[in-house]
C-alpha atoms as a PDB file:
ATOM      1  CA  MET A   1     132.947  88.380 120.848  1.00  0.00           C
ATOM      2  CA  GLY A   2     133.343  91.577 122.897  1.00  0.00           C
ATOM      3  CA  PHE A   3     130.059  93.026 121.678  1.00  0.00           C
ATOM      4  CA  ILE A   4     127.975  89.910 122.554  1.00  0.00           C
ATOM      5  CA  LYS A   5     129.601  89.655 125.958  1.00  0.00           C
ATOM      6  CA  GLU A   6     128.935  93.330 126.607  1.00  0.00           C
ATOM      7  CA  PHE A   7     125.325  92.884 125.555  1.00  0.00           C
ATOM      8  CA  LYS A   8     124.897  89.854 127.763  1.00  0.00           C
ATOM      9  CA  GLU A   9     126.242  91.760 130.755  1.00  0.00           C
ATOM     10  CA  PHE A  10     123.838  94.586 130.044  1.00  0.00           C
ATOM     11  CA  ALA A  11     120.773  92.320 129.603  1.00  0.00           C
ATOM     12  CA  MET A  12     121.501  90.363 132.744  1.00  0.00           C
ATOM     13  CA  LYS A  13     121.871  93.371 134.985  1.00  0.00           C
ATOM     14  CA  GLY A  14     119.421  93.420 137.868  1.00  0.00           C
ATOM     15  CA  ASN A  15     117.804  96.695 136.802  1.00  0.00           C
ATOM     16  CA  VAL A  16     117.080  95.543 133.271  1.00  0.00           C
ATOM     17  CA  MET A  17     115.542  92.231 134.472  1.00  0.00           C
ATOM     18  CA  ASP A  18     113.434  94.065 137.106  1.00  0.00           C
ATOM     19  CA  MET A  19     112.207  96.444 134.459  1.00  0.00           C
ATOM     20  CA  ALA A  20     111.286  93.565 132.102  1.00  0.00           C
ATOM     21  CA  VAL A  21     109.340  91.869 134.846  1.00  0.00           C
ATOM     22  CA  GLY A  22     107.567  95.207 135.646  1.00  0.00           C
ATOM     23  CA  VAL A  23     106.618  95.678 132.027  1.00  0.00           C
ATOM     24  CA  ILE A  24     105.181  92.207 131.681  1.00  0.00           C
ATOM     25  CA  ILE A  25     103.251  92.436 135.013  1.00  0.00           C
ATOM     26  CA  GLY A  26     102.093  95.963 134.074  1.00  0.00           C
ATOM     27  CA  GLY A  27     100.701  94.711 130.753  1.00  0.00           C
ATOM     28  CA  ALA A  28      98.789  91.974 132.477  1.00  0.00           C
ATOM     29  CA  PHE A  29      97.580  94.346 135.216  1.00  0.00           C
ATOM     30  CA  GLY A  30      96.468  96.792 132.484  1.00  0.00           C
ATOM     31  CA  LYS A  31      94.249  94.104 130.958  1.00  0.00           C
ATOM     32  CA  ILE A  32      92.719  93.341 134.312  1.00  0.00           C
ATOM     33  CA  VAL A  33      91.985  96.988 134.996  1.00  0.00           C
ATOM     34  CA  SER A  34      90.627  97.418 131.401  1.00  0.00           C
ATOM     35  CA  SER A  35      88.284  94.556 131.963  1.00  0.00           C
ATOM     36  CA  LEU A  36      87.196  96.033 135.298  1.00  0.00           C
ATOM     37  CA  VAL A  37      86.444  99.309 133.606  1.00  0.00           C
ATOM     38  CA  ASP A  38      84.820  97.894 130.456  1.00  0.00           C
ATOM     39  CA  ASP A  39      82.845  95.051 131.984  1.00  0.00           C
ATOM     40  CA  VAL A  40      82.043  96.198 135.480  1.00  0.00           C
ATOM     41  CA  LEU A  41      82.245  99.952 136.036  1.00  0.00           C
ATOM     42  CA  MET A  42      81.091 101.298 132.638  1.00  0.00           C
ATOM     43  CA  PRO A  43      77.800  99.232 132.684  1.00  0.00           C
ATOM     44  CA  ALA A  44      77.267 100.441 136.233  1.00  0.00           C
ATOM     45  CA  ILE A  45      77.879 104.117 135.223  1.00  0.00           C
ATOM     46  CA  GLY A  46      75.602 103.471 132.195  1.00  0.00           C
ATOM     47  CA  LEU A  47      72.932 102.200 134.539  1.00  0.00           C
ATOM     48  CA  LEU A  48      73.321 105.259 136.782  1.00  0.00           C
ATOM     49  CA  THR A  49      73.119 107.610 133.780  1.00  0.00           C
ATOM     50  CA  GLY A  50      69.962 105.992 132.389  1.00  0.00           C
ATOM     51  CA  GLY A  51      71.448 103.355 130.092  1.00  0.00           C
ATOM     52  CA  VAL A  52      73.943 105.658 128.313  1.00  0.00           C
ATOM     53  CA  ASP A  53      76.943 103.729 126.950  1.00  0.00           C
ATOM     54  CA  LEU A  54      79.864 106.206 127.156  1.00  0.00           C
ATOM     55  CA  SER A  55      81.810 104.475 124.394  1.00  0.00           C
ATOM     56  CA  GLY A  56      78.855 105.214 122.022  1.00  0.00           C
ATOM     57  CA  LEU A  57      78.752 108.930 122.633  1.00  0.00           C
ATOM     58  CA  GLU A  58      79.870 110.838 119.561  1.00  0.00           C
ATOM     59  CA  TYR A  59      79.237 114.079 117.647  1.00  0.00           C
ATOM     60  CA  HIS A  60      78.974 114.075 113.889  1.00  0.00           C
ATOM     61  CA  LEU A  61      80.390 117.248 112.273  1.00  0.00           C
ATOM     62  CA  PRO A  62      78.568 118.425 109.092  1.00  0.00           C
ATOM     63  CA  PRO A  63      80.181 117.735 105.724  1.00  0.00           C
ATOM     64  CA  VAL A  64      82.716 120.351 104.531  1.00  0.00           C
ATOM     65  CA  SER A  65      80.807 121.169 101.308  1.00  0.00           C
ATOM     66  CA  LYS A  66      77.525 121.614 103.291  1.00  0.00           C
ATOM     67  CA  MET A  67      79.267 124.009 105.728  1.00  0.00           C
ATOM     68  CA  VAL A  68      80.670 126.115 102.863  1.00  0.00           C
ATOM     69  CA  SER A  69      77.355 126.085 101.022  1.00  0.00           C
ATOM     70  CA  ASP A  70      75.482 127.164 104.155  1.00  0.00           C
ATOM     71  CA  ALA A  71      77.996 129.893 104.827  1.00  0.00           C
ATOM     72  CA  ALA A  72      77.931 131.134 101.212  1.00  0.00           C
ATOM     73  CA  SER A  73      74.110 131.069 101.142  1.00  0.00           C
ATOM     74  CA  THR A  74      74.033 133.534 103.995  1.00  0.00           C
ATOM     75  CA  VAL A  75      75.881 135.922 101.732  1.00  0.00           C
ATOM     76  CA  GLY A  76      72.897 135.949  99.391  1.00  0.00           C
ATOM     77  CA  ALA A  77      74.680 135.995  96.026  1.00  0.00           C
ATOM     78  CA  GLU A  78      73.576 132.966  94.082  1.00  0.00           C
ATOM     79  CA  GLY A  79      76.648 132.961  91.896  1.00  0.00           C
ATOM     80  CA  ALA A  80      78.902 133.121  94.979  1.00  0.00           C
ATOM     81  CA  VAL A  81      77.045 130.159  96.460  1.00  0.00           C
ATOM     82  CA  ASP A  82      77.639 128.044  93.327  1.00  0.00           C
ATOM     83  CA  ALA A  83      81.342 129.122  93.119  1.00  0.00           C
ATOM     84  CA  VAL A  84      82.016 128.367  96.765  1.00  0.00           C
ATOM     85  CA  ALA A  85      80.143 125.039  96.671  1.00  0.00           C
ATOM     86  CA  ASP A  86      82.042 124.035  93.502  1.00  0.00           C
ATOM     87  CA  ALA A  87      85.345 125.010  95.139  1.00  0.00           C
ATOM     88  CA  ALA A  88      84.452 123.014  98.279  1.00  0.00           C
ATOM     89  CA  ASN A  89      83.518 119.954  96.061  1.00  0.00           C
ATOM     90  CA  THR A  90      86.722 120.274  94.098  1.00  0.00           C
ATOM     91  CA  VAL A  91      88.848 120.442  97.272  1.00  0.00           C
ATOM     92  CA  ALA A  92      87.097 117.431  98.710  1.00  0.00           C
ATOM     93  CA  ALA A  93      87.444 115.463  95.514  1.00  0.00           C
ATOM     94  CA  ASN A  94      91.077 116.400  95.037  1.00  0.00           C
ATOM     95  CA  ALA A  95      91.973 115.550  98.586  1.00  0.00           C
ATOM     96  CA  GLY A  96      90.337 112.136  98.163  1.00  0.00           C
ATOM     97  CA  VAL A  97      89.217 112.149 101.712  1.00  0.00           C
ATOM     98  CA  ALA A  98      85.639 110.870 101.675  1.00  0.00           C
ATOM     99  CA  ALA A  99      85.302 110.873 105.390  1.00  0.00           C
ATOM    100  CA  GLU A 100      86.251 114.520 105.672  1.00  0.00           C
ATOM    101  CA  ALA A 101      83.850 115.442 102.849  1.00  0.00           C
ATOM    102  CA  ALA A 102      81.126 113.417 104.479  1.00  0.00           C
ATOM    103  CA  GLY A 103      81.806 114.948 107.821  1.00  0.00           C
ATOM    104  CA  ALA A 104      84.020 113.865 110.693  1.00  0.00           C
ATOM    105  CA  THR A 105      82.994 112.246 113.919  1.00  0.00           C
ATOM    106  CA  LEU A 106      84.148 113.316 117.368  1.00  0.00           C
ATOM    107  CA  LYS A 107      84.100 110.238 119.565  1.00  0.00           C
ATOM    108  CA  TYR A 108      84.148 111.925 122.919  1.00  0.00           C
ATOM    109  CA  GLY A 109      82.595 108.908 124.686  1.00  0.00           C
ATOM    110  CA  LEU A 110      85.680 106.775 123.979  1.00  0.00           C
ATOM    111  CA  PHE A 111      87.824 109.587 125.252  1.00  0.00           C
ATOM    112  CA  LEU A 112      85.798 109.771 128.491  1.00  0.00           C
ATOM    113  CA  GLN A 113      86.029 106.012 128.911  1.00  0.00           C
ATOM    114  CA  ASN A 114      89.911 106.130 128.450  1.00  0.00           C
ATOM    115  CA  VAL A 115      90.141 108.957 130.960  1.00  0.00           C
ATOM    116  CA  ILE A 116      88.231 106.897 133.511  1.00  0.00           C
ATOM    117  CA  ASP A 117      90.411 103.856 132.655  1.00  0.00           C
ATOM    118  CA  PHE A 118      93.516 105.897 133.270  1.00  0.00           C
ATOM    119  CA  LEU A 119      92.278 107.266 136.547  1.00  0.00           C
ATOM    120  CA  ILE A 120      91.412 103.783 137.819  1.00  0.00           C
ATOM    121  CA  ILE A 121      94.868 102.445 136.765  1.00  0.00           C
ATOM    122  CA  ALA A 122      96.595 105.373 138.423  1.00  0.00           C
ATOM    123  CA  PHE A 123      94.613 104.875 141.618  1.00  0.00           C
ATOM    124  CA  CYS A 124      95.309 101.108 141.731  1.00  0.00           C
ATOM    125  CA  ILE A 125      99.038 101.708 141.156  1.00  0.00           C
ATOM    126  CA  PHE A 126      99.001 104.280 143.932  1.00  0.00           C
ATOM    127  CA  LEU A 127      97.363 101.787 146.315  1.00  0.00           C
ATOM    128  CA  MET A 128      99.845  99.032 145.319  1.00  0.00           C
ATOM    129  CA  ILE A 129     102.801 101.315 145.931  1.00  0.00           C
ATOM    130  CA  LYS A 130     101.389 102.500 149.237  1.00  0.00           C
ATOM    131  CA  ALA A 131     100.866  98.841 150.354  1.00  0.00           C
ATOM    132  CA  MET A 132     104.357  97.838 149.231  1.00  0.00           C
ATOM    133  CA  ASN A 133     105.879 100.737 151.196  1.00  0.00           C
ATOM    134  CA  LYS A 134     104.077  99.546 154.327  1.00  0.00           C
ATOM    135  CA  LEU A 135     105.277  95.979 153.829  1.00  0.00           C
ATOM    136  CA  MET A 136     108.870  96.848 153.123  1.00  0.00           C
ATOM    137  CA  PRO A 137     111.001  97.189 156.198  1.00  0.00           C
ATOM    138  CA  LYS A 138     112.318 100.717 156.716  1.00  0.00           C
ATOM    139  CA  LYS A 139     115.950 101.085 156.080  1.00  0.00           C
ATOM    140  CA  GLU A 140     117.560 102.765 158.981  1.00  0.00           C
ATOM    141  CA  GLU A 141     120.216 105.221 157.977  1.00  0.00           C
ATOM    142  CA  PRO A 142     123.481 104.602 159.679  1.00  0.00           C
ATOM    143  CA  GLU A 143     124.383 107.217 162.180  1.00  0.00           C
ATOM    144  CA  ALA A 144     127.053 109.623 161.179  1.00  0.00           C
ATOM    145  CA  PRO A 145     130.311 108.895 162.914  1.00  0.00           C
ATOM    146  CA  ALA A 146     130.663 111.038 166.035  1.00  0.00           C
ATOM    147  CA  GLY A 147     133.104 113.813 165.402  1.00  0.00           C
ATOM    148  CA  PRO A 148     135.038 115.687 167.996  1.00  0.00           C
ATOM    149  CA  THR A 149     133.007 117.736 170.440  1.00  0.00           C
ATOM    150  CA  GLN A 150     133.229 121.503 170.612  1.00  0.00           C
ATOM    151  CA  GLU A 151     135.390 121.335 173.670  1.00  0.00           C
ATOM    152  CA  GLU A 152     137.862 119.005 171.975  1.00  0.00           C
ATOM    153  CA  LEU A 153     138.098 121.344 168.932  1.00  0.00           C
ATOM    154  CA  LEU A 154     138.649 124.343 171.130  1.00  0.00           C
ATOM    155  CA  THR A 155     141.338 122.434 173.092  1.00  0.00           C
ATOM    156  CA  ASP A 156     143.102 121.549 169.865  1.00  0.00           C
ATOM    157  CA  ILE A 157     142.952 125.160 168.677  1.00  0.00           C
ATOM    158  CA  ARG A 158     144.370 126.373 171.991  1.00  0.00           C
ATOM    159  CA  ASP A 159     147.197 123.883 171.831  1.00  0.00           C
ATOM    160  CA  LEU A 160     148.109 124.867 168.238  1.00  0.00           C
ATOM    161  CA  LEU A 161     148.225 128.501 169.190  1.00  0.00           C
ATOM    162  CA  LYS A 162     150.469 127.704 172.198  1.00  0.00           C
ATOM    163  CA  ASN A 163     152.897 125.831 169.893  1.00  0.00           C
ATOM    164  CA  GLN A 164     153.106 128.726 167.406  1.00  0.00           C
ATOM    165  CA  LYS A 165     154.421 131.126 170.092  1.00  0.00           C
END
């Protein structure tokens, strides 16, 4: 029963409960901000940029075999072109990665949208913390206990020196 009791004490500590509440509220807040970005700001940005949907921006890389064939054809030797193209096709077939052979896609629009999403979330959290700091009463630090003054210390030293003689 010692392990269960220890776990219960750990789980019921104030910091753990505060963190759990923060995670739950943070998840809900993240959904709100994501909706703000996806449903309000991104359409407005798309309108400002002439109807461009950032999430749809992407760059299609050429297929691997085509890149190798194009590079080999610049060499000029027809036999080298066939050998390199065959090697590229064999590598693509052996790897079994059809997407890589067909060419990859860089979805930089989604990345830009996620960066904007992050910046908005960070700014909102900054504003919330700033508002909470203004609402919270400032804790006054207790004054340090007054120690002896310089004159008192010098008097004590003088008295100690007198007693030593």
